[in-house]
Amino acid sequence: KKWRYVFALVHNLDFDDSEFLQPEEGKEHRVEIRESFRTFVDRTLALQSGSPLRKFSLRCLIFEDSDMAHAGRWICNAVERGVLEMDLNFGACLAVFLPCELFTSKTLVELTLGTKISLDKIPTDVSLPALKSLSIYSIFFTYKDLCYVLLPGCPVLEELYVHHEDYEAIPFCISSRTIKKLSVYYDTESECDYMGGMSFDAPNLVFLKYRDYALAEYAHVNLGSLVEARLDIHYSKRVRRPDLTGLIIGMSNVETLHLSPASA
């Protein structure tokens, strides 16, 4: 009984529908199992009555629009409660519409998005004035939405992590005047033959960790403040004439450079 009252003071919430789906295979397709998870999340949020929230983590499968509608409502609840950290991990069979409220949070400091989903159009009025850390795991953005819509709306962003594994590697350009630490991990050999090239426009970047296949060109590399770089460049037969010249020239002022054996 004591837990009923203490529960309202919990500031970190972690919802994971895989706990409901184990150990039977195929349970995720059963409506009653998915409804049970929805009810659990709804009741938990209702019991807290809008108390302040520090971290909100949600991992769930999205099969239809109604699933995303529920997830969107939970996300909005966290935003309304002034959440500081949010971790969203969806397994989706359709394009995911994240609520506009997420992209105008005044309190969000850290945001993680994943995994292997197609993110539908981001609202053009993105405003995340407190966001300092953004992590992206295999997210397919509408063309240029990351660099020209999302990142410009993050005026104090300091850390950016972009990870693509066995998934189409977008963006081909990362541009931000505020980030100081950047980690890019692309393991998508099947896509590298048509990627063409990669560009980095981050004049205040101090640390770079970059794993990718050598591409045909690095047309624009602006890394004037770079202090340390770790490169793990692999070679693929899919790229006939890889050219790292632009990348090397663009980071020629780096003080410490680490090269993996594959990069030699």
C-alpha atoms as a PDB file:
ATOM      1  CA  LYS A   1       0.000   0.000   0.000  1.00  0.00           C
ATOM      2  CA  LYS A   2       2.869   2.368   0.741  1.00  0.00           C
ATOM      3  CA  TRP A   3       4.027   2.012  -2.869  1.00  0.00           C
ATOM      4  CA  ARG A   4       0.833   3.679  -4.106  1.00  0.00           C
ATOM      5  CA  TYR A   5       1.937   6.990  -2.665  1.00  0.00           C
ATOM      6  CA  VAL A   6       5.693   6.659  -3.208  1.00  0.00           C
ATOM      7  CA  PHE A   7       5.091   5.740  -6.847  1.00  0.00           C
ATOM      8  CA  ALA A   8       3.925   9.261  -7.673  1.00  0.00           C
ATOM      9  CA  LEU A   9       7.390  10.554  -6.727  1.00  0.00           C
ATOM     10  CA  VAL A  10       9.274   8.349  -9.219  1.00  0.00           C
ATOM     11  CA  HIS A  11      11.041  10.594 -11.743  1.00  0.00           C
ATOM     12  CA  ASN A  12      12.356   7.939 -14.185  1.00  0.00           C
ATOM     13  CA  LEU A  13       9.968   5.813 -16.260  1.00  0.00           C
ATOM     14  CA  ASP A  14      11.071   2.960 -18.540  1.00  0.00           C
ATOM     15  CA  PHE A  15       8.358   1.190 -20.558  1.00  0.00           C
ATOM     16  CA  ASP A  16       9.356  -1.842 -22.650  1.00  0.00           C
ATOM     17  CA  ASP A  17       6.739  -3.993 -24.364  1.00  0.00           C
ATOM     18  CA  SER A  18       9.215  -6.858 -24.854  1.00  0.00           C
ATOM     19  CA  GLU A  19       8.537  -7.705 -21.202  1.00  0.00           C
ATOM     20  CA  PHE A  20       4.966  -8.468 -22.244  1.00  0.00           C
ATOM     21  CA  LEU A  21       5.974 -10.435 -25.344  1.00  0.00           C
ATOM     22  CA  GLN A  22       8.309 -12.972 -23.726  1.00  0.00           C
ATOM     23  CA  PRO A  23       8.762 -15.875 -23.986  1.00  0.00           C
ATOM     24  CA  GLU A  24       6.169 -16.850 -26.613  1.00  0.00           C
ATOM     25  CA  GLU A  25       7.018 -16.148 -30.227  1.00  0.00           C
ATOM     26  CA  GLY A  26       4.372 -14.248 -32.162  1.00  0.00           C
ATOM     27  CA  LYS A  27       2.680 -12.716 -29.104  1.00  0.00           C
ATOM     28  CA  GLU A  28       3.251  -9.243 -30.562  1.00  0.00           C
ATOM     29  CA  HIS A  29       0.501  -9.928 -33.120  1.00  0.00           C
ATOM     30  CA  ARG A  30      -2.094 -10.692 -30.450  1.00  0.00           C
ATOM     31  CA  VAL A  31      -4.366  -7.709 -29.884  1.00  0.00           C
ATOM     32  CA  GLU A  32      -5.001  -8.513 -26.217  1.00  0.00           C
ATOM     33  CA  ILE A  33      -1.264  -8.506 -25.419  1.00  0.00           C
ATOM     34  CA  ARG A  34      -0.714  -5.121 -27.051  1.00  0.00           C
ATOM     35  CA  GLU A  35      -3.841  -3.770 -25.339  1.00  0.00           C
ATOM     36  CA  SER A  36      -2.515  -5.003 -21.985  1.00  0.00           C
ATOM     37  CA  PHE A  37       0.684  -2.993 -22.493  1.00  0.00           C
ATOM     38  CA  ARG A  38      -1.286   0.113 -23.472  1.00  0.00           C
ATOM     39  CA  THR A  39      -3.452  -0.180 -20.364  1.00  0.00           C
ATOM     40  CA  PHE A  40      -0.407  -0.586 -18.153  1.00  0.00           C
ATOM     41  CA  VAL A  41       1.248   2.566 -19.516  1.00  0.00           C
ATOM     42  CA  ASP A  42      -1.990   4.575 -19.355  1.00  0.00           C
ATOM     43  CA  ARG A  43      -2.623   3.604 -15.719  1.00  0.00           C
ATOM     44  CA  THR A  44       0.974   4.296 -14.715  1.00  0.00           C
ATOM     45  CA  LEU A  45       0.939   7.800 -16.191  1.00  0.00           C
ATOM     46  CA  ALA A  46      -2.492   8.524 -14.695  1.00  0.00           C
ATOM     47  CA  LEU A  47      -1.359   7.484 -11.210  1.00  0.00           C
ATOM     48  CA  GLN A  48       1.497   9.985 -11.330  1.00  0.00           C
ATOM     49  CA  SER A  49      -0.910  12.878 -11.902  1.00  0.00           C
ATOM     50  CA  GLY A  50       1.507  15.050 -13.860  1.00  0.00           C
ATOM     51  CA  SER A  51       4.391  15.015 -11.369  1.00  0.00           C
ATOM     52  CA  PRO A  52       7.774  16.238 -12.737  1.00  0.00           C
ATOM     53  CA  LEU A  53       9.653  13.716 -14.899  1.00  0.00           C
ATOM     54  CA  ARG A  54      13.397  13.474 -15.381  1.00  0.00           C
ATOM     55  CA  LYS A  55      13.712  10.548 -17.821  1.00  0.00           C
ATOM     56  CA  PHE A  56      11.161   8.826 -20.055  1.00  0.00           C
ATOM     57  CA  SER A  57      12.071   5.681 -21.999  1.00  0.00           C
ATOM     58  CA  LEU A  58       9.682   3.919 -24.373  1.00  0.00           C
ATOM     59  CA  ARG A  59      10.376   0.772 -26.371  1.00  0.00           C
ATOM     60  CA  CYS A  60       7.476  -0.713 -28.304  1.00  0.00           C
ATOM     61  CA  LEU A  61       6.398  -2.200 -31.622  1.00  0.00           C
ATOM     62  CA  ILE A  62       4.273  -0.148 -34.000  1.00  0.00           C
ATOM     63  CA  PHE A  63       1.985  -2.180 -36.267  1.00  0.00           C
ATOM     64  CA  GLU A  64      -0.726   0.311 -37.135  1.00  0.00           C
ATOM     65  CA  ASP A  65      -1.687   3.965 -36.798  1.00  0.00           C
ATOM     66  CA  SER A  66      -3.541   3.356 -33.534  1.00  0.00           C
ATOM     67  CA  ASP A  67      -0.312   2.071 -31.937  1.00  0.00           C
ATOM     68  CA  MET A  68       1.460   5.289 -32.910  1.00  0.00           C
ATOM     69  CA  ALA A  69      -1.465   7.352 -31.620  1.00  0.00           C
ATOM     70  CA  HIS A  70      -1.048   5.822 -28.161  1.00  0.00           C
ATOM     71  CA  ALA A  71       2.736   6.274 -28.227  1.00  0.00           C
ATOM     72  CA  GLY A  72       2.300   9.890 -29.316  1.00  0.00           C
ATOM     73  CA  ARG A  73      -0.012  10.548 -26.382  1.00  0.00           C
ATOM     74  CA  TRP A  74       2.515   9.106 -23.929  1.00  0.00           C
ATOM     75  CA  ILE A  75       5.294  11.211 -25.435  1.00  0.00           C
ATOM     76  CA  CYS A  76       3.171  14.350 -25.095  1.00  0.00           C
ATOM     77  CA  ASN A  77       2.491  13.484 -21.463  1.00  0.00           C
ATOM     78  CA  ALA A  78       6.236  13.319 -20.778  1.00  0.00           C
ATOM     79  CA  VAL A  79       6.852  16.619 -22.588  1.00  0.00           C
ATOM     80  CA  GLU A  80       4.087  18.360 -20.628  1.00  0.00           C
ATOM     81  CA  ARG A  81       5.737  17.190 -17.397  1.00  0.00           C
ATOM     82  CA  GLY A  82       9.038  18.853 -18.311  1.00  0.00           C
ATOM     83  CA  VAL A  83      11.012  15.705 -19.130  1.00  0.00           C
ATOM     84  CA  LEU A  84      14.798  16.155 -19.380  1.00  0.00           C
ATOM     85  CA  GLU A  85      15.833  12.897 -21.093  1.00  0.00           C
ATOM     86  CA  MET A  86      13.846  10.880 -23.608  1.00  0.00           C
ATOM     87  CA  ASP A  87      14.706   7.539 -25.228  1.00  0.00           C
ATOM     88  CA  LEU A  88      12.325   6.330 -27.950  1.00  0.00           C
ATOM     89  CA  ASN A  89      12.882   2.977 -29.615  1.00  0.00           C
ATOM     90  CA  PHE A  90      10.276   1.751 -32.075  1.00  0.00           C
ATOM     91  CA  GLY A  91      10.105  -1.330 -34.212  1.00  0.00           C
ATOM     92  CA  ALA A  92       7.750  -0.172 -36.930  1.00  0.00           C
ATOM     93  CA  CYS A  93       6.045  -1.596 -40.000  1.00  0.00           C
ATOM     94  CA  LEU A  94       5.074   1.877 -41.209  1.00  0.00           C
ATOM     95  CA  ALA A  95       6.329   5.449 -41.245  1.00  0.00           C
ATOM     96  CA  VAL A  96       6.390   6.927 -37.755  1.00  0.00           C
ATOM     97  CA  PHE A  97       4.766  10.268 -36.992  1.00  0.00           C
ATOM     98  CA  LEU A  98       6.281  11.747 -33.848  1.00  0.00           C
ATOM     99  CA  PRO A  99       4.098  14.405 -32.172  1.00  0.00           C
ATOM    100  CA  CYS A 100       4.934  18.042 -32.877  1.00  0.00           C
ATOM    101  CA  GLU A 101       5.138  18.684 -29.129  1.00  0.00           C
ATOM    102  CA  LEU A 102       8.326  16.606 -28.956  1.00  0.00           C
ATOM    103  CA  PHE A 103      10.087  19.023 -31.310  1.00  0.00           C
ATOM    104  CA  THR A 104       9.138  22.104 -29.310  1.00  0.00           C
ATOM    105  CA  SER A 105      10.063  20.902 -25.824  1.00  0.00           C
ATOM    106  CA  LYS A 106      11.610  23.668 -23.728  1.00  0.00           C
ATOM    107  CA  THR A 107      13.129  21.275 -21.174  1.00  0.00           C
ATOM    108  CA  LEU A 108      14.508  18.334 -23.170  1.00  0.00           C
ATOM    109  CA  VAL A 109      18.287  18.022 -22.727  1.00  0.00           C
ATOM    110  CA  GLU A 110      18.953  14.552 -24.164  1.00  0.00           C
ATOM    111  CA  LEU A 111      17.060  12.750 -26.945  1.00  0.00           C
ATOM    112  CA  THR A 112      17.600   9.253 -28.376  1.00  0.00           C
ATOM    113  CA  LEU A 113      15.662   7.979 -31.413  1.00  0.00           C
ATOM    114  CA  GLY A 114      15.687   4.489 -32.956  1.00  0.00           C
ATOM    115  CA  THR A 115      15.664   1.912 -34.481  1.00  0.00           C
ATOM    116  CA  LYS A 116      15.383   1.100 -38.193  1.00  0.00           C
ATOM    117  CA  ILE A 117      12.323   3.237 -38.783  1.00  0.00           C
ATOM    118  CA  SER A 118      11.270   5.765 -41.387  1.00  0.00           C
ATOM    119  CA  LEU A 119      10.590   9.078 -39.693  1.00  0.00           C
ATOM    120  CA  ASP A 120       7.920  11.051 -41.471  1.00  0.00           C
ATOM    121  CA  LYS A 121       8.130  14.779 -42.125  1.00  0.00           C
ATOM    122  CA  ILE A 122       9.514  16.779 -39.194  1.00  0.00           C
ATOM    123  CA  PRO A 123       7.619  20.016 -38.418  1.00  0.00           C
ATOM    124  CA  THR A 124       9.403  23.064 -39.789  1.00  0.00           C
ATOM    125  CA  ASP A 125       9.154  25.006 -36.518  1.00  0.00           C
ATOM    126  CA  VAL A 126      11.542  22.791 -34.521  1.00  0.00           C
ATOM    127  CA  SER A 127      12.602  24.531 -31.308  1.00  0.00           C
ATOM    128  CA  LEU A 128      14.613  22.562 -28.749  1.00  0.00           C
ATOM    129  CA  PRO A 129      16.389  25.343 -26.850  1.00  0.00           C
ATOM    130  CA  ALA A 130      17.792  23.088 -24.095  1.00  0.00           C
ATOM    131  CA  LEU A 131      18.824  20.023 -26.148  1.00  0.00           C
ATOM    132  CA  LYS A 132      22.524  19.220 -25.730  1.00  0.00           C
ATOM    133  CA  SER A 133      22.741  15.584 -26.811  1.00  0.00           C
ATOM    134  CA  LEU A 134      21.055  13.858 -29.786  1.00  0.00           C
ATOM    135  CA  SER A 135      21.479  10.164 -30.637  1.00  0.00           C
ATOM    136  CA  ILE A 136      20.040   8.623 -33.797  1.00  0.00           C
ATOM    137  CA  TYR A 137      19.997   4.874 -34.435  1.00  0.00           C
ATOM    138  CA  SER A 138      19.133   3.826 -37.992  1.00  0.00           C
ATOM    139  CA  ILE A 139      16.522   6.501 -38.659  1.00  0.00           C
ATOM    140  CA  PHE A 140      15.512   7.247 -42.231  1.00  0.00           C
ATOM    141  CA  PHE A 141      14.807  10.981 -42.476  1.00  0.00           C
ATOM    142  CA  THR A 142      12.944  12.702 -45.249  1.00  0.00           C
ATOM    143  CA  TYR A 143      15.552  14.339 -47.497  1.00  0.00           C
ATOM    144  CA  LYS A 144      17.575  17.006 -45.614  1.00  0.00           C
ATOM    145  CA  ASP A 145      15.253  16.975 -42.597  1.00  0.00           C
ATOM    146  CA  LEU A 146      18.075  16.214 -40.169  1.00  0.00           C
ATOM    147  CA  CYS A 147      20.577  18.884 -41.215  1.00  0.00           C
ATOM    148  CA  TYR A 148      18.243  21.597 -42.458  1.00  0.00           C
ATOM    149  CA  VAL A 149      15.239  21.237 -40.141  1.00  0.00           C
ATOM    150  CA  LEU A 150      16.095  19.351 -36.945  1.00  0.00           C
ATOM    151  CA  LEU A 151      19.668  20.471 -36.209  1.00  0.00           C
ATOM    152  CA  PRO A 152      19.045  24.211 -36.819  1.00  0.00           C
ATOM    153  CA  GLY A 153      16.330  24.009 -34.166  1.00  0.00           C
ATOM    154  CA  CYS A 154      18.861  22.880 -31.554  1.00  0.00           C
ATOM    155  CA  PRO A 155      20.855  26.070 -30.769  1.00  0.00           C
ATOM    156  CA  VAL A 156      22.883  24.606 -27.873  1.00  0.00           C
ATOM    157  CA  LEU A 157      23.461  21.063 -29.202  1.00  0.00           C
ATOM    158  CA  GLU A 158      26.916  19.806 -28.193  1.00  0.00           C
ATOM    159  CA  GLU A 159      26.890  16.056 -28.917  1.00  0.00           C
ATOM    160  CA  LEU A 160      25.555  14.240 -31.969  1.00  0.00           C
ATOM    161  CA  TYR A 161      25.640  10.473 -32.469  1.00  0.00           C
ATOM    162  CA  VAL A 162      24.472   8.996 -35.789  1.00  0.00           C
ATOM    163  CA  HIS A 163      24.489   5.207 -36.110  1.00  0.00           C
ATOM    164  CA  HIS A 164      23.379   3.277 -39.206  1.00  0.00           C
ATOM    165  CA  GLU A 165      23.844  -0.473 -39.370  1.00  0.00           C
ATOM    166  CA  ASP A 166      22.316  -2.566 -42.166  1.00  0.00           C
ATOM    167  CA  TYR A 167      20.092   0.391 -42.935  1.00  0.00           C
ATOM    168  CA  GLU A 168      20.148   3.187 -45.475  1.00  0.00           C
ATOM    169  CA  ALA A 169      22.753   5.732 -44.334  1.00  0.00           C
ATOM    170  CA  ILE A 170      21.234   9.176 -44.416  1.00  0.00           C
ATOM    171  CA  PRO A 171      22.315  11.943 -44.099  1.00  0.00           C
ATOM    172  CA  PHE A 172      25.171  12.403 -46.566  1.00  0.00           C
ATOM    173  CA  CYS A 173      25.918  15.745 -44.914  1.00  0.00           C
ATOM    174  CA  ILE A 174      26.143  16.716 -41.258  1.00  0.00           C
ATOM    175  CA  SER A 175      25.981  20.420 -40.580  1.00  0.00           C
ATOM    176  CA  SER A 176      25.921  22.166 -37.200  1.00  0.00           C
ATOM    177  CA  ARG A 177      27.751  25.217 -35.888  1.00  0.00           C
ATOM    178  CA  THR A 178      27.372  24.227 -32.228  1.00  0.00           C
ATOM    179  CA  ILE A 179      28.291  20.551 -31.878  1.00  0.00           C
ATOM    180  CA  LYS A 180      31.596  19.790 -30.183  1.00  0.00           C
ATOM    181  CA  LYS A 181      31.487  15.994 -30.209  1.00  0.00           C
ATOM    182  CA  LEU A 182      30.380  13.941 -33.223  1.00  0.00           C
ATOM    183  CA  SER A 183      30.226  10.179 -33.672  1.00  0.00           C
ATOM    184  CA  VAL A 184      29.201   8.770 -37.060  1.00  0.00           C
ATOM    185  CA  TYR A 185      28.949   5.015 -37.557  1.00  0.00           C
ATOM    186  CA  TYR A 186      27.861   3.809 -40.987  1.00  0.00           C
ATOM    187  CA  ASP A 187      27.955   0.069 -41.669  1.00  0.00           C
ATOM    188  CA  THR A 188      25.919  -0.039 -44.858  1.00  0.00           C
ATOM    189  CA  GLU A 189      28.113  -1.460 -47.602  1.00  0.00           C
ATOM    190  CA  SER A 190      25.088  -2.319 -49.740  1.00  0.00           C
ATOM    191  CA  GLU A 191      24.238   1.394 -49.929  1.00  0.00           C
ATOM    192  CA  CYS A 192      27.682   2.976 -50.285  1.00  0.00           C
ATOM    193  CA  ASP A 193      27.893   2.679 -54.086  1.00  0.00           C
ATOM    194  CA  TYR A 194      25.162   5.278 -54.610  1.00  0.00           C
ATOM    195  CA  MET A 195      25.878   7.512 -51.604  1.00  0.00           C
ATOM    196  CA  GLY A 196      28.317   9.481 -53.730  1.00  0.00           C
ATOM    197  CA  GLY A 197      29.978  11.428 -50.954  1.00  0.00           C
ATOM    198  CA  MET A 198      29.880  12.799 -47.449  1.00  0.00           C
ATOM    199  CA  SER A 199      30.291  16.328 -46.066  1.00  0.00           C
ATOM    200  CA  PHE A 200      30.962  17.692 -42.595  1.00  0.00           C
ATOM    201  CA  ASP A 201      30.250  21.324 -41.753  1.00  0.00           C
ATOM    202  CA  ALA A 202      30.973  21.660 -38.041  1.00  0.00           C
ATOM    203  CA  PRO A 203      33.405  24.551 -37.431  1.00  0.00           C
ATOM    204  CA  ASN A 204      33.321  24.195 -33.627  1.00  0.00           C
ATOM    205  CA  LEU A 205      33.757  20.429 -33.515  1.00  0.00           C
ATOM    206  CA  VAL A 206      36.489  19.284 -31.114  1.00  0.00           C
ATOM    207  CA  PHE A 207      36.139  15.479 -31.291  1.00  0.00           C
ATOM    208  CA  LEU A 208      35.226  13.280 -34.275  1.00  0.00           C
ATOM    209  CA  LYS A 209      34.724   9.519 -34.406  1.00  0.00           C
ATOM    210  CA  TYR A 210      33.961   8.371 -37.944  1.00  0.00           C
ATOM    211  CA  ARG A 211      33.387   4.814 -39.188  1.00  0.00           C
ATOM    212  CA  ASP A 212      32.346   4.353 -42.810  1.00  0.00           C
ATOM    213  CA  TYR A 213      33.284   2.948 -46.185  1.00  0.00           C
ATOM    214  CA  ALA A 214      35.583   5.191 -48.221  1.00  0.00           C
ATOM    215  CA  LEU A 215      33.377   7.195 -50.567  1.00  0.00           C
ATOM    216  CA  ALA A 216      33.903   8.796 -53.961  1.00  0.00           C
ATOM    217  CA  GLU A 217      34.303  12.301 -52.529  1.00  0.00           C
ATOM    218  CA  TYR A 218      34.166  14.484 -49.442  1.00  0.00           C
ATOM    219  CA  ALA A 219      33.099  17.700 -51.133  1.00  0.00           C
ATOM    220  CA  HIS A 220      32.857  19.988 -48.111  1.00  0.00           C
ATOM    221  CA  VAL A 221      34.714  19.365 -44.857  1.00  0.00           C
ATOM    222  CA  ASN A 222      34.817  22.290 -42.436  1.00  0.00           C
ATOM    223  CA  LEU A 223      36.375  21.127 -39.157  1.00  0.00           C
ATOM    224  CA  GLY A 224      38.512  24.100 -38.208  1.00  0.00           C
ATOM    225  CA  SER A 225      38.479  23.507 -34.432  1.00  0.00           C
ATOM    226  CA  LEU A 226      39.115  19.761 -34.468  1.00  0.00           C
ATOM    227  CA  VAL A 227      41.466  18.513 -31.735  1.00  0.00           C
ATOM    228  CA  GLU A 228      41.046  14.734 -31.860  1.00  0.00           C
ATOM    229  CA  ALA A 229      39.781  12.378 -34.574  1.00  0.00           C
ATOM    230  CA  ARG A 230      39.328   8.621 -34.705  1.00  0.00           C
ATOM    231  CA  LEU A 231      38.901   7.223 -38.214  1.00  0.00           C
ATOM    232  CA  ASP A 232      37.824   3.685 -39.074  1.00  0.00           C
ATOM    233  CA  ILE A 233      37.594   3.734 -42.861  1.00  0.00           C
ATOM    234  CA  HIS A 234      36.893   0.520 -44.748  1.00  0.00           C
ATOM    235  CA  TYR A 235      37.068  -0.149 -48.463  1.00  0.00           C
ATOM    236  CA  SER A 236      34.409  -1.703 -50.641  1.00  0.00           C
ATOM    237  CA  LYS A 237      34.473  -2.966 -54.207  1.00  0.00           C
ATOM    238  CA  ARG A 238      31.183  -1.154 -54.695  1.00  0.00           C
ATOM    239  CA  VAL A 239      33.010   2.193 -54.674  1.00  0.00           C
ATOM    240  CA  ARG A 240      35.217   2.159 -57.762  1.00  0.00           C
ATOM    241  CA  ARG A 241      37.307   5.246 -57.041  1.00  0.00           C
ATOM    242  CA  PRO A 242      37.259   6.211 -53.371  1.00  0.00           C
ATOM    243  CA  ASP A 243      38.869   9.567 -52.660  1.00  0.00           C
ATOM    244  CA  LEU A 244      39.615  10.665 -49.085  1.00  0.00           C
ATOM    245  CA  THR A 245      41.491  13.818 -50.125  1.00  0.00           C
ATOM    246  CA  GLY A 246      38.725  16.219 -49.111  1.00  0.00           C
ATOM    247  CA  LEU A 247      38.342  14.572 -45.705  1.00  0.00           C
ATOM    248  CA  ILE A 248      42.061  14.664 -44.912  1.00  0.00           C
ATOM    249  CA  ILE A 249      42.508  18.272 -46.054  1.00  0.00           C
ATOM    250  CA  GLY A 250      39.447  19.375 -44.110  1.00  0.00           C
ATOM    251  CA  MET A 251      40.854  18.005 -40.862  1.00  0.00           C
ATOM    252  CA  SER A 252      44.530  18.780 -41.490  1.00  0.00           C
ATOM    253  CA  ASN A 253      44.746  20.933 -38.348  1.00  0.00           C
ATOM    254  CA  VAL A 254      43.827  18.028 -36.014  1.00  0.00           C
ATOM    255  CA  GLU A 255      46.212  17.532 -33.089  1.00  0.00           C
ATOM    256  CA  THR A 256      45.601  13.830 -32.404  1.00  0.00           C
ATOM    257  CA  LEU A 257      44.640  11.370 -35.125  1.00  0.00           C
ATOM    258  CA  HIS A 258      43.834   7.693 -34.505  1.00  0.00           C
ATOM    259  CA  LEU A 259      43.628   5.360 -37.509  1.00  0.00           C
ATOM    260  CA  SER A 260      42.216   1.845 -37.342  1.00  0.00           C
ATOM    261  CA  PRO A 261      44.075  -0.986 -39.120  1.00  0.00           C
ATOM    262  CA  ALA A 262      41.380  -0.939 -41.810  1.00  0.00           C
ATOM    263  CA  SER A 263      42.150   2.723 -42.525  1.00  0.00           C
ATOM    264  CA  ALA A 264      45.820   2.144 -43.272  1.00  0.00           C
END
